[in-house]
PDB file of all heavy atoms in Angstrom:
ATOM      1  N   GLN A   1      -0.383  10.385  13.583  1.00  0.00           N
ATOM      2  CA  GLN A   1      -0.271  10.202  15.017  1.00  0.00           C
ATOM      3  C   GLN A   1      -1.342   9.304  15.692  1.00  0.00           C
ATOM      4  O   GLN A   1      -1.172   8.781  16.871  1.00  0.00           O
ATOM      5  CB  GLN A   1      -0.224  11.573  15.711  1.00  0.00           C
ATOM      6  CG  GLN A   1       0.115  11.546  17.160  1.00  0.00           C
ATOM      7  CD  GLN A   1       1.496  10.999  17.488  1.00  0.00           C
ATOM      8  OE1 GLN A   1       2.515  11.826  17.521  1.00  0.00           O
ATOM      9  NE2 GLN A   1       1.549   9.684  17.708  1.00  0.00           N
ATOM     10  N   TRP A   2      -2.407   9.085  14.947  1.00  0.00           N
ATOM     11  CA  TRP A   2      -3.511   8.242  15.570  1.00  0.00           C
ATOM     12  C   TRP A   2      -3.261   6.712  15.156  1.00  0.00           C
ATOM     13  O   TRP A   2      -2.128   6.351  14.599  1.00  0.00           O
ATOM     14  CB  TRP A   2      -4.801   8.722  15.066  1.00  0.00           C
ATOM     15  CG  TRP A   2      -5.134   8.561  13.663  1.00  0.00           C
ATOM     16  CD1 TRP A   2      -5.774   7.562  13.067  1.00  0.00           C
ATOM     17  CD2 TRP A   2      -5.005   9.581  12.590  1.00  0.00           C
ATOM     18  NE1 TRP A   2      -6.074   7.817  11.664  1.00  0.00           N
ATOM     19  CE2 TRP A   2      -5.547   9.088  11.425  1.00  0.00           C
ATOM     20  CE3 TRP A   2      -4.490  10.843  12.530  1.00  0.00           C
ATOM     21  CZ2 TRP A   2      -5.448   9.691  10.183  1.00  0.00           C
ATOM     22  CZ3 TRP A   2      -4.407  11.518  11.411  1.00  0.00           C
ATOM     23  CH2 TRP A   2      -4.969  11.023  10.168  1.00  0.00           C
ATOM     24  N   HIS A   3      -4.183   5.855  15.447  1.00  0.00           N
ATOM     25  CA  HIS A   3      -4.126   4.438  15.174  1.00  0.00           C
ATOM     26  C   HIS A   3      -5.087   4.107  14.136  1.00  0.00           C
ATOM     27  O   HIS A   3      -6.187   3.519  14.443  1.00  0.00           O
ATOM     28  CB  HIS A   3      -4.349   3.679  16.542  1.00  0.00           C
ATOM     29  CG  HIS A   3      -3.098   3.673  17.416  1.00  0.00           C
ATOM     30  ND1 HIS A   3      -2.169   2.690  17.340  1.00  0.00           N
ATOM     31  CD2 HIS A   3      -2.698   4.568  18.262  1.00  0.00           C
ATOM     32  CE1 HIS A   3      -1.196   2.967  18.301  1.00  0.00           C
ATOM     33  NE2 HIS A   3      -1.553   4.093  18.861  1.00  0.00           N
ATOM     34  N   PRO A   4      -4.751   4.173  12.856  1.00  0.00           N
ATOM     35  CA  PRO A   4      -5.689   3.714  11.785  1.00  0.00           C
ATOM     36  C   PRO A   4      -5.863   2.208  11.626  1.00  0.00           C
ATOM     37  O   PRO A   4      -6.771   1.816  10.970  1.00  0.00           O
ATOM     38  CB  PRO A   4      -5.214   4.448  10.533  1.00  0.00           C
ATOM     39  CG  PRO A   4      -3.730   4.439  10.765  1.00  0.00           C
ATOM     40  CD  PRO A   4      -3.602   4.767  12.276  1.00  0.00           C
ATOM     41  N   GLU A   5      -4.961   1.427  12.252  1.00  0.00           N
ATOM     42  CA  GLU A   5      -4.997   0.042  12.034  1.00  0.00           C
ATOM     43  C   GLU A   5      -6.276  -0.549  12.745  1.00  0.00           C
ATOM     44  O   GLU A   5      -6.779  -1.614  12.337  1.00  0.00           O
ATOM     45  CB  GLU A   5      -3.773  -0.605  12.616  1.00  0.00           C
ATOM     46  CG  GLU A   5      -3.595  -0.629  14.173  1.00  0.00           C
ATOM     47  CD  GLU A   5      -2.998   0.565  14.735  1.00  0.00           C
ATOM     48  OE1 GLU A   5      -2.939   1.621  14.050  1.00  0.00           O
ATOM     49  OE2 GLU A   5      -2.581   0.476  15.858  1.00  0.00           O
ATOM     50  N   TYR A   6      -6.866   0.206  13.716  1.00  0.00           N
ATOM     51  CA  TYR A   6      -8.045  -0.303  14.381  1.00  0.00           C
ATOM     52  C   TYR A   6      -9.258  -0.221  13.375  1.00  0.00           C
ATOM     53  O   TYR A   6      -9.594   0.841  12.902  1.00  0.00           O
ATOM     54  CB  TYR A   6      -8.347   0.569  15.678  1.00  0.00           C
ATOM     55  CG  TYR A   6      -9.657   0.159  16.330  1.00  0.00           C
ATOM     56  CD1 TYR A   6      -9.825  -1.080  17.022  1.00  0.00           C
ATOM     57  CD2 TYR A   6     -10.763   1.000  16.149  1.00  0.00           C
ATOM     58  CE1 TYR A   6     -10.980  -1.402  17.583  1.00  0.00           C
ATOM     59  CE2 TYR A   6     -11.989   0.575  16.777  1.00  0.00           C
ATOM     60  CZ  TYR A   6     -12.113  -0.585  17.511  1.00  0.00           C
ATOM     61  OH  TYR A   6     -13.226  -0.980  18.040  1.00  0.00           O
ATOM     62  N   ASN A   7      -9.863  -1.375  13.197  1.00  0.00           N
ATOM     63  CA  ASN A   7     -11.078  -1.401  12.347  1.00  0.00           C
ATOM     64  C   ASN A   7     -10.798  -0.855  10.885  1.00  0.00           C
ATOM     65  O   ASN A   7     -11.692  -0.229  10.334  1.00  0.00           O
ATOM     66  CB  ASN A   7     -12.250  -0.609  12.956  1.00  0.00           C
ATOM     67  CG  ASN A   7     -13.510  -0.923  12.429  1.00  0.00           C
ATOM     68  OD1 ASN A   7     -13.765  -2.084  11.938  1.00  0.00           O
ATOM     69  ND2 ASN A   7     -14.557  -0.106  12.401  1.00  0.00           N
ATOM     70  N   ALA A   8      -9.599  -1.124  10.476  1.00  0.00           N
ATOM     71  CA  ALA A   8      -9.116  -0.500   9.135  1.00  0.00           C
ATOM     72  C   ALA A   8      -9.975  -0.878   7.964  1.00  0.00           C
ATOM     73  O   ALA A   8     -10.215   0.011   7.109  1.00  0.00           O
ATOM     74  CB  ALA A   8      -7.656  -0.853   8.924  1.00  0.00           C
ATOM     75  N   ALA A   9     -10.543  -2.033   7.905  1.00  0.00           N
ATOM     76  CA  ALA A   9     -11.319  -2.443   6.679  1.00  0.00           C
ATOM     77  C   ALA A   9     -12.615  -1.698   6.657  1.00  0.00           C
ATOM     78  O   ALA A   9     -13.128  -1.465   5.431  1.00  0.00           O
ATOM     79  CB  ALA A   9     -11.472  -3.937   6.727  1.00  0.00           C
ATOM     80  N   ALA A  10     -13.099  -1.279   7.797  1.00  0.00           N
ATOM     81  CA  ALA A  10     -14.496  -0.686   7.795  1.00  0.00           C
ATOM     82  C   ALA A  10     -14.376   0.791   7.982  1.00  0.00           C
ATOM     83  O   ALA A  10     -15.385   1.549   7.697  1.00  0.00           O
ATOM     84  CB  ALA A  10     -15.350  -1.273   8.933  1.00  0.00           C
ATOM     85  N   ASP A  11     -13.295   1.404   8.500  1.00  0.00           N
ATOM     86  CA  ASP A  11     -13.278   2.769   8.901  1.00  0.00           C
ATOM     87  C   ASP A  11     -13.044   3.644   7.587  1.00  0.00           C
ATOM     88  O   ASP A  11     -12.075   3.315   6.863  1.00  0.00           O
ATOM     89  CB  ASP A  11     -12.121   3.055   9.875  1.00  0.00           C
ATOM     90  CG  ASP A  11     -12.047   4.460  10.273  1.00  0.00           C
ATOM     91  OD1 ASP A  11     -12.983   4.938  11.067  1.00  0.00           O
ATOM     92  OD2 ASP A  11     -11.097   5.226   9.840  1.00  0.00           O
ATOM     93  N   PRO A  12     -13.779   4.696   7.321  1.00  0.00           N
ATOM     94  CA  PRO A  12     -13.664   5.397   6.107  1.00  0.00           C
ATOM     95  C   PRO A  12     -12.505   6.330   6.087  1.00  0.00           C
ATOM     96  O   PRO A  12     -12.108   6.832   4.989  1.00  0.00           O
ATOM     97  CB  PRO A  12     -15.020   6.375   6.135  1.00  0.00           C
ATOM     98  CG  PRO A  12     -15.428   6.357   7.516  1.00  0.00           C
ATOM     99  CD  PRO A  12     -14.943   5.063   8.116  1.00  0.00           C
ATOM    100  N   VAL A  13     -11.735   6.547   7.206  1.00  0.00           N
ATOM    101  CA  VAL A  13     -10.506   7.268   7.246  1.00  0.00           C
ATOM    102  C   VAL A  13      -9.316   6.376   7.090  1.00  0.00           C
ATOM    103  O   VAL A  13      -8.422   6.588   6.426  1.00  0.00           O
ATOM    104  CB  VAL A  13     -10.435   8.097   8.566  1.00  0.00           C
ATOM    105  CG1 VAL A  13      -9.096   8.766   8.628  1.00  0.00           C
ATOM    106  CG2 VAL A  13     -11.537   9.038   8.591  1.00  0.00           C
ATOM    107  N   SER A  14      -9.363   5.199   7.811  1.00  0.00           N
ATOM    108  CA  SER A  14      -8.307   4.241   7.695  1.00  0.00           C
ATOM    109  C   SER A  14      -8.169   3.515   6.352  1.00  0.00           C
ATOM    110  O   SER A  14      -7.040   3.377   5.886  1.00  0.00           O
ATOM    111  CB  SER A  14      -8.510   3.170   8.837  1.00  0.00           C
ATOM    112  OG  SER A  14      -8.590   3.718  10.143  1.00  0.00           O
ATOM    113  N   ARG A  15      -9.320   3.198   5.765  1.00  0.00           N
ATOM    114  CA  ARG A  15      -9.246   2.448   4.583  1.00  0.00           C
ATOM    115  C   ARG A  15      -8.475   3.142   3.400  1.00  0.00           C
ATOM    116  O   ARG A  15      -7.605   2.462   2.834  1.00  0.00           O
ATOM    117  CB  ARG A  15     -10.658   2.048   4.136  1.00  0.00           C
ATOM    118  CG  ARG A  15     -10.784   1.021   2.936  1.00  0.00           C
ATOM    119  CD  ARG A  15     -12.274   0.510   2.779  1.00  0.00           C
ATOM    120  NE  ARG A  15     -13.170   1.670   2.463  1.00  0.00           N
ATOM    121  CZ  ARG A  15     -14.097   2.106   3.334  1.00  0.00           C
ATOM    122  NH1 ARG A  15     -14.269   1.566   4.506  1.00  0.00           N
ATOM    123  NH2 ARG A  15     -14.885   3.075   3.017  1.00  0.00           N
ATOM    124  N   PRO A  16      -8.786   4.365   3.116  1.00  0.00           N
ATOM    125  CA  PRO A  16      -7.977   4.980   1.900  1.00  0.00           C
ATOM    126  C   PRO A  16      -6.529   5.165   2.325  1.00  0.00           C
ATOM    127  O   PRO A  16      -5.727   5.159   1.327  1.00  0.00           O
ATOM    128  CB  PRO A  16      -8.827   6.473   1.845  1.00  0.00           C
ATOM    129  CG  PRO A  16      -9.537   6.603   3.029  1.00  0.00           C
ATOM    130  CD  PRO A  16      -9.892   5.301   3.585  1.00  0.00           C
ATOM    131  N   LEU A  17      -6.211   5.330   3.633  1.00  0.00           N
ATOM    132  CA  LEU A  17      -4.803   5.467   3.897  1.00  0.00           C
ATOM    133  C   LEU A  17      -4.026   4.146   3.588  1.00  0.00           C
ATOM    134  O   LEU A  17      -3.029   4.143   2.982  1.00  0.00           O
ATOM    135  CB  LEU A  17      -4.603   5.782   5.369  1.00  0.00           C
ATOM    136  CG  LEU A  17      -3.167   5.953   5.959  1.00  0.00           C
ATOM    137  CD1 LEU A  17      -2.475   7.094   5.196  1.00  0.00           C
ATOM    138  CD2 LEU A  17      -3.295   6.267   7.455  1.00  0.00           C
ATOM    139  N   PHE A  18      -4.590   3.042   4.058  1.00  0.00           N
ATOM    140  CA  PHE A  18      -3.940   1.706   3.848  1.00  0.00           C
ATOM    141  C   PHE A  18      -3.985   1.235   2.437  1.00  0.00           C
ATOM    142  O   PHE A  18      -3.108   0.620   1.849  1.00  0.00           O
ATOM    143  CB  PHE A  18      -4.592   0.706   4.743  1.00  0.00           C
ATOM    144  CG  PHE A  18      -4.021   0.679   6.186  1.00  0.00           C
ATOM    145  CD1 PHE A  18      -4.779   1.177   7.218  1.00  0.00           C
ATOM    146  CD2 PHE A  18      -2.762   0.171   6.352  1.00  0.00           C
ATOM    147  CE1 PHE A  18      -4.218   1.223   8.517  1.00  0.00           C
ATOM    148  CE2 PHE A  18      -2.160   0.171   7.674  1.00  0.00           C
ATOM    149  CZ  PHE A  18      -2.957   0.699   8.767  1.00  0.00           C
ATOM    150  N   GLN A  19      -5.084   1.693   1.713  1.00  0.00           N
ATOM    151  CA  GLN A  19      -5.188   1.358   0.247  1.00  0.00           C
ATOM    152  C   GLN A  19      -4.099   2.164  -0.531  1.00  0.00           C
ATOM    153  O   GLN A  19      -3.444   1.513  -1.415  1.00  0.00           O
ATOM    154  CB  GLN A  19      -6.628   1.791  -0.289  1.00  0.00           C
ATOM    155  CG  GLN A  19      -7.687   0.802   0.203  1.00  0.00           C
ATOM    156  CD  GLN A  19      -9.079   1.248  -0.313  1.00  0.00           C
ATOM    157  OE1 GLN A  19      -9.297   2.411  -0.428  1.00  0.00           O
ATOM    158  NE2 GLN A  19      -9.983   0.266  -0.439  1.00  0.00           N
ATOM    159  N   ALA A  20      -3.912   3.346  -0.152  1.00  0.00           N
ATOM    160  CA  ALA A  20      -2.892   4.172  -0.929  1.00  0.00           C
ATOM    161  C   ALA A  20      -1.507   3.603  -0.604  1.00  0.00           C
ATOM    162  O   ALA A  20      -0.608   3.473  -1.431  1.00  0.00           O
ATOM    163  CB  ALA A  20      -2.914   5.604  -0.441  1.00  0.00           C
ATOM    164  N   PHE A  21      -1.234   3.232   0.691  1.00  0.00           N
ATOM    165  CA  PHE A  21       0.005   2.600   1.016  1.00  0.00           C
ATOM    166  C   PHE A  21       0.220   1.272   0.225  1.00  0.00           C
ATOM    167  O   PHE A  21       1.216   0.936  -0.264  1.00  0.00           O
ATOM    168  CB  PHE A  21       0.108   2.439   2.554  1.00  0.00           C
ATOM    169  CG  PHE A  21       1.296   1.611   2.986  1.00  0.00           C
ATOM    170  CD1 PHE A  21       2.555   2.081   2.665  1.00  0.00           C
ATOM    171  CD2 PHE A  21       1.158   0.413   3.827  1.00  0.00           C
ATOM    172  CE1 PHE A  21       3.768   1.394   3.181  1.00  0.00           C
ATOM    173  CE2 PHE A  21       2.254  -0.229   4.244  1.00  0.00           C
ATOM    174  CZ  PHE A  21       3.527   0.231   3.923  1.00  0.00           C
ATOM    175  N   GLY A  22      -0.838   0.460   0.222  1.00  0.00           N
ATOM    176  CA  GLY A  22      -0.731  -0.831  -0.540  1.00  0.00           C
ATOM    177  C   GLY A  22      -0.402  -0.591  -1.996  1.00  0.00           C
ATOM    178  O   GLY A  22       0.305  -1.368  -2.632  1.00  0.00           O
ATOM    179  N   ASN A  23      -1.125   0.415  -2.562  1.00  0.00           N
ATOM    180  CA  ASN A  23      -0.906   0.660  -4.079  1.00  0.00           C
ATOM    181  C   ASN A  23       0.531   1.080  -4.259  1.00  0.00           C
ATOM    182  O   ASN A  23       1.173   0.741  -5.260  1.00  0.00           O
ATOM    183  CB  ASN A  23      -1.883   1.814  -4.503  1.00  0.00           C
ATOM    184  CG  ASN A  23      -3.326   1.203  -4.636  1.00  0.00           C
ATOM    185  OD1 ASN A  23      -3.541   0.034  -4.706  1.00  0.00           O
ATOM    186  ND2 ASN A  23      -4.262   2.143  -4.612  1.00  0.00           N
ATOM    187  N   ALA A  24       1.094   1.927  -3.343  1.00  0.00           N
ATOM    188  CA  ALA A  24       2.475   2.360  -3.469  1.00  0.00           C
ATOM    189  C   ALA A  24       3.489   1.105  -3.385  1.00  0.00           C
ATOM    190  O   ALA A  24       4.429   1.075  -4.122  1.00  0.00           O
ATOM    191  CB  ALA A  24       2.776   3.315  -2.381  1.00  0.00           C
ATOM    192  N   CYS A  25       3.126   0.175  -2.454  1.00  0.00           N
ATOM    193  CA  CYS A  25       3.959  -1.089  -2.331  1.00  0.00           C
ATOM    194  C   CYS A  25       3.927  -1.883  -3.588  1.00  0.00           C
ATOM    195  O   CYS A  25       4.816  -2.471  -4.031  1.00  0.00           O
ATOM    196  CB  CYS A  25       3.481  -1.856  -1.091  1.00  0.00           C
ATOM    197  SG  CYS A  25       3.875  -1.031   0.447  1.00  0.00           S
ATOM    198  N   ARG A  26       2.606  -1.968  -4.186  1.00  0.00           N
ATOM    199  CA  ARG A  26       2.470  -2.711  -5.475  1.00  0.00           C
ATOM    200  C   ARG A  26       3.356  -2.136  -6.590  1.00  0.00           C
ATOM    201  O   ARG A  26       3.914  -2.833  -7.296  1.00  0.00           O
ATOM    202  CB  ARG A  26       1.040  -2.702  -5.793  1.00  0.00           C
ATOM    203  CG  ARG A  26       0.426  -4.168  -5.969  1.00  0.00           C
ATOM    204  CD  ARG A  26      -1.122  -4.050  -6.271  1.00  0.00           C
ATOM    205  NE  ARG A  26      -1.816  -3.245  -5.386  1.00  0.00           N
ATOM    206  CZ  ARG A  26      -2.206  -3.552  -4.116  1.00  0.00           C
ATOM    207  NH1 ARG A  26      -1.786  -4.731  -3.629  1.00  0.00           N
ATOM    208  NH2 ARG A  26      -2.838  -2.737  -3.386  1.00  0.00           N
ATOM    209  N   ALA A  27       3.261  -0.730  -6.633  1.00  0.00           N
ATOM    210  CA  ALA A  27       4.091  -0.128  -7.699  1.00  0.00           C
ATOM    211  C   ALA A  27       5.523  -0.358  -7.544  1.00  0.00           C
ATOM    212  O   ALA A  27       6.292  -0.527  -8.477  1.00  0.00           O
ATOM    213  CB  ALA A  27       3.746   1.404  -7.678  1.00  0.00           C
ATOM    214  N   TRP A  28       6.008  -0.292  -6.147  1.00  0.00           N
ATOM    215  CA  TRP A  28       7.498  -0.552  -5.967  1.00  0.00           C
ATOM    216  C   TRP A  28       7.846  -1.898  -6.427  1.00  0.00           C
ATOM    217  O   TRP A  28       8.828  -2.165  -6.976  1.00  0.00           O
ATOM    218  CB  TRP A  28       7.745  -0.306  -4.511  1.00  0.00           C
ATOM    219  CG  TRP A  28       9.088  -0.588  -4.140  1.00  0.00           C
ATOM    220  CD1 TRP A  28       9.668  -1.717  -3.665  1.00  0.00           C
ATOM    221  CD2 TRP A  28      10.232   0.389  -4.201  1.00  0.00           C
ATOM    222  NE1 TRP A  28      11.061  -1.603  -3.473  1.00  0.00           N
ATOM    223  CE2 TRP A  28      11.416  -0.323  -3.775  1.00  0.00           C
ATOM    224  CE3 TRP A  28      10.350   1.668  -4.547  1.00  0.00           C
ATOM    225  CZ2 TRP A  28      12.676   0.377  -3.750  1.00  0.00           C
ATOM    226  CZ3 TRP A  28      11.589   2.343  -4.505  1.00  0.00           C
ATOM    227  CH2 TRP A  28      12.717   1.596  -4.173  1.00  0.00           C
ATOM    228  N   ARG A  29       6.946  -2.854  -6.089  1.00  0.00           N
ATOM    229  CA  ARG A  29       7.284  -4.271  -6.407  1.00  0.00           C
ATOM    230  C   ARG A  29       7.236  -4.464  -7.894  1.00  0.00           C
ATOM    231  O   ARG A  29       8.197  -5.162  -8.412  1.00  0.00           O
ATOM    232  CB  ARG A  29       6.274  -5.232  -5.710  1.00  0.00           C
ATOM    233  CG  ARG A  29       6.468  -6.693  -6.010  1.00  0.00           C
ATOM    234  CD  ARG A  29       5.553  -7.612  -5.338  1.00  0.00           C
ATOM    235  NE  ARG A  29       6.051  -9.062  -5.602  1.00  0.00           N
ATOM    236  CZ  ARG A  29       6.987  -9.679  -4.922  1.00  0.00           C
ATOM    237  NH1 ARG A  29       7.666  -9.035  -4.022  1.00  0.00           N
ATOM    238  NH2 ARG A  29       7.210 -10.931  -5.249  1.00  0.00           N
ATOM    239  N   ALA A  30       6.364  -3.874  -8.650  1.00  0.00           N
ATOM    240  CA  ALA A  30       6.303  -4.002 -10.051  1.00  0.00           C
ATOM    241  C   ALA A  30       7.568  -3.422 -10.733  1.00  0.00           C
ATOM    242  O   ALA A  30       8.144  -4.021 -11.640  1.00  0.00           O
ATOM    243  CB  ALA A  30       5.096  -3.363 -10.593  1.00  0.00           C
ATOM    244  N   GLN A  31       7.968  -2.254 -10.149  1.00  0.00           N
ATOM    245  CA  GLN A  31       9.219  -1.686 -10.727  1.00  0.00           C
ATOM    246  C   GLN A  31      10.426  -2.572 -10.326  1.00  0.00           C
ATOM    247  O   GLN A  31      11.303  -2.788 -11.186  1.00  0.00           O
ATOM    248  CB  GLN A  31       9.333  -0.266 -10.076  1.00  0.00           C
ATOM    249  CG  GLN A  31      10.634   0.383 -10.501  1.00  0.00           C
ATOM    250  CD  GLN A  31      11.011   1.693  -9.635  1.00  0.00           C
ATOM    251  OE1 GLN A  31      10.749   1.593  -8.475  1.00  0.00           O
ATOM    252  NE2 GLN A  31      11.433   2.734 -10.254  1.00  0.00           N
ATOM    253  N   ARG A  32      10.448  -3.138  -9.224  1.00  0.00           N
ATOM    254  CA  ARG A  32      11.610  -3.968  -8.741  1.00  0.00           C
ATOM    255  C   ARG A  32      11.666  -5.219  -9.611  1.00  0.00           C
ATOM    256  O   ARG A  32      12.763  -5.624 -10.035  1.00  0.00           O
ATOM    257  CB  ARG A  32      11.456  -4.231  -7.267  1.00  0.00           C
ATOM    258  CG  ARG A  32      12.615  -5.057  -6.672  1.00  0.00           C
ATOM    259  CD  ARG A  32      12.597  -4.924  -5.200  1.00  0.00           C
ATOM    260  NE  ARG A  32      11.442  -5.386  -4.499  1.00  0.00           N
ATOM    261  CZ  ARG A  32      11.423  -6.613  -3.886  1.00  0.00           C
ATOM    262  NH1 ARG A  32      12.439  -7.269  -3.870  1.00  0.00           N
ATOM    263  NH2 ARG A  32      10.277  -6.944  -3.262  1.00  0.00           N
ATOM    264  N   MET A  33      10.475  -5.882  -9.841  1.00  0.00           N
ATOM    265  CA  MET A  33      10.411  -7.107 -10.614  1.00  0.00           C
ATOM    266  C   MET A  33      10.785  -6.747 -12.116  1.00  0.00           C
ATOM    267  O   MET A  33      11.467  -7.589 -12.694  1.00  0.00           O
ATOM    268  CB  MET A  33       9.042  -7.725 -10.575  1.00  0.00           C
ATOM    269  CG  MET A  33       8.709  -8.293  -9.148  1.00  0.00           C
ATOM    270  SD  MET A  33       9.768  -9.596  -8.551  1.00  0.00           S
ATOM    271  CE  MET A  33      10.790  -8.664  -7.446  1.00  0.00           C
ATOM    272  N   GLY A  34      10.394  -5.640 -12.526  1.00  0.00           N
ATOM    273  CA  GLY A  34      10.800  -5.271 -13.951  1.00  0.00           C
ATOM    274  C   GLY A  34      12.149  -5.041 -14.152  1.00  0.00           C
ATOM    275  O   GLY A  34      12.801  -5.464 -15.111  1.00  0.00           O
ATOM    276  N   LEU A  35      12.864  -4.497 -13.166  1.00  0.00           N
ATOM    277  CA  LEU A  35      14.310  -4.211 -13.185  1.00  0.00           C
ATOM    278  C   LEU A  35      15.031  -5.529 -13.236  1.00  0.00           C
ATOM    279  O   LEU A  35      15.999  -5.718 -13.853  1.00  0.00           O
ATOM    280  CB  LEU A  35      14.710  -3.319 -12.133  1.00  0.00           C
ATOM    281  CG  LEU A  35      14.325  -1.822 -12.201  1.00  0.00           C
ATOM    282  CD1 LEU A  35      14.736  -1.129 -10.975  1.00  0.00           C
ATOM    283  CD2 LEU A  35      14.987  -1.221 -13.424  1.00  0.00           C
ATOM    284  N   ARG A  36      14.516  -6.453 -12.377  1.00  0.00           N
ATOM    285  CA  ARG A  36      15.181  -7.812 -12.305  1.00  0.00           C
ATOM    286  C   ARG A  36      15.093  -8.585 -13.570  1.00  0.00           C
ATOM    287  O   ARG A  36      16.090  -9.195 -13.963  1.00  0.00           O
ATOM    288  CB  ARG A  36      14.525  -8.597 -11.132  1.00  0.00           C
ATOM    289  CG  ARG A  36      14.977  -8.180  -9.757  1.00  0.00           C
ATOM    290  CD  ARG A  36      14.425  -9.084  -8.752  1.00  0.00           C
ATOM    291  NE  ARG A  36      14.856  -8.676  -7.374  1.00  0.00           N
ATOM    292  CZ  ARG A  36      14.512  -9.270  -6.168  1.00  0.00           C
ATOM    293  NH1 ARG A  36      13.633 -10.244  -6.297  1.00  0.00           N
ATOM    294  NH2 ARG A  36      14.958  -8.812  -5.094  1.00  0.00           N
ATOM    295  N   ARG A  37      13.948  -8.401 -14.290  1.00  0.00           N
ATOM    296  CA  ARG A  37      13.782  -9.132 -15.580  1.00  0.00           C
ATOM    297  C   ARG A  37      14.668  -8.623 -16.615  1.00  0.00           C
ATOM    298  O   ARG A  37      15.266  -9.256 -17.377  1.00  0.00           O
ATOM    299  CB  ARG A  37      12.337  -9.029 -16.008  1.00  0.00           C
ATOM    300  CG  ARG A  37      11.398 -10.058 -15.223  1.00  0.00           C
ATOM    301  CD  ARG A  37      10.043 -10.152 -15.938  1.00  0.00           C
ATOM    302  NE  ARG A  37       9.289  -8.935 -15.853  1.00  0.00           N
ATOM    303  CZ  ARG A  37       8.466  -8.666 -14.844  1.00  0.00           C
ATOM    304  NH1 ARG A  37       8.321  -9.529 -13.878  1.00  0.00           N
ATOM    305  NH2 ARG A  37       7.819  -7.572 -14.814  1.00  0.00           N
ATOM    306  N   VAL A  38      14.821  -7.285 -16.568  1.00  0.00           N
ATOM    307  CA  VAL A  38      15.744  -6.600 -17.517  1.00  0.00           C
ATOM    308  C   VAL A  38      17.129  -7.054 -17.398  1.00  0.00           C
ATOM    309  O   VAL A  38      17.974  -7.248 -18.280  1.00  0.00           O
ATOM    310  CB  VAL A  38      15.598  -5.072 -17.488  1.00  0.00           C
ATOM    311  CG1 VAL A  38      16.604  -4.357 -18.301  1.00  0.00           C
ATOM    312  CG2 VAL A  38      14.218  -4.643 -17.954  1.00  0.00           C
ATOM    313  N   SER A  39      17.574  -7.100 -16.110  1.00  0.00           N
ATOM    314  CA  SER A  39      18.944  -7.360 -15.789  1.00  0.00           C
ATOM    315  C   SER A  39      19.257  -8.861 -15.931  1.00  0.00           C
ATOM    316  O   SER A  39      20.343  -9.353 -16.199  1.00  0.00           O
ATOM    317  CB  SER A  39      19.310  -6.975 -14.338  1.00  0.00           C
ATOM    318  OG  SER A  39      18.467  -7.655 -13.423  1.00  0.00           O
TER     319      SER A  39
END
């Protein structure tokens, strides 16, 4: 409910939240690209 985008790179609460989201997006992309190569 708060705004972690403010000062996200330096804030110790915002940073792990966005890092976890980025890692999840990376995993989704890797899975998607893998499926495309297989097909």
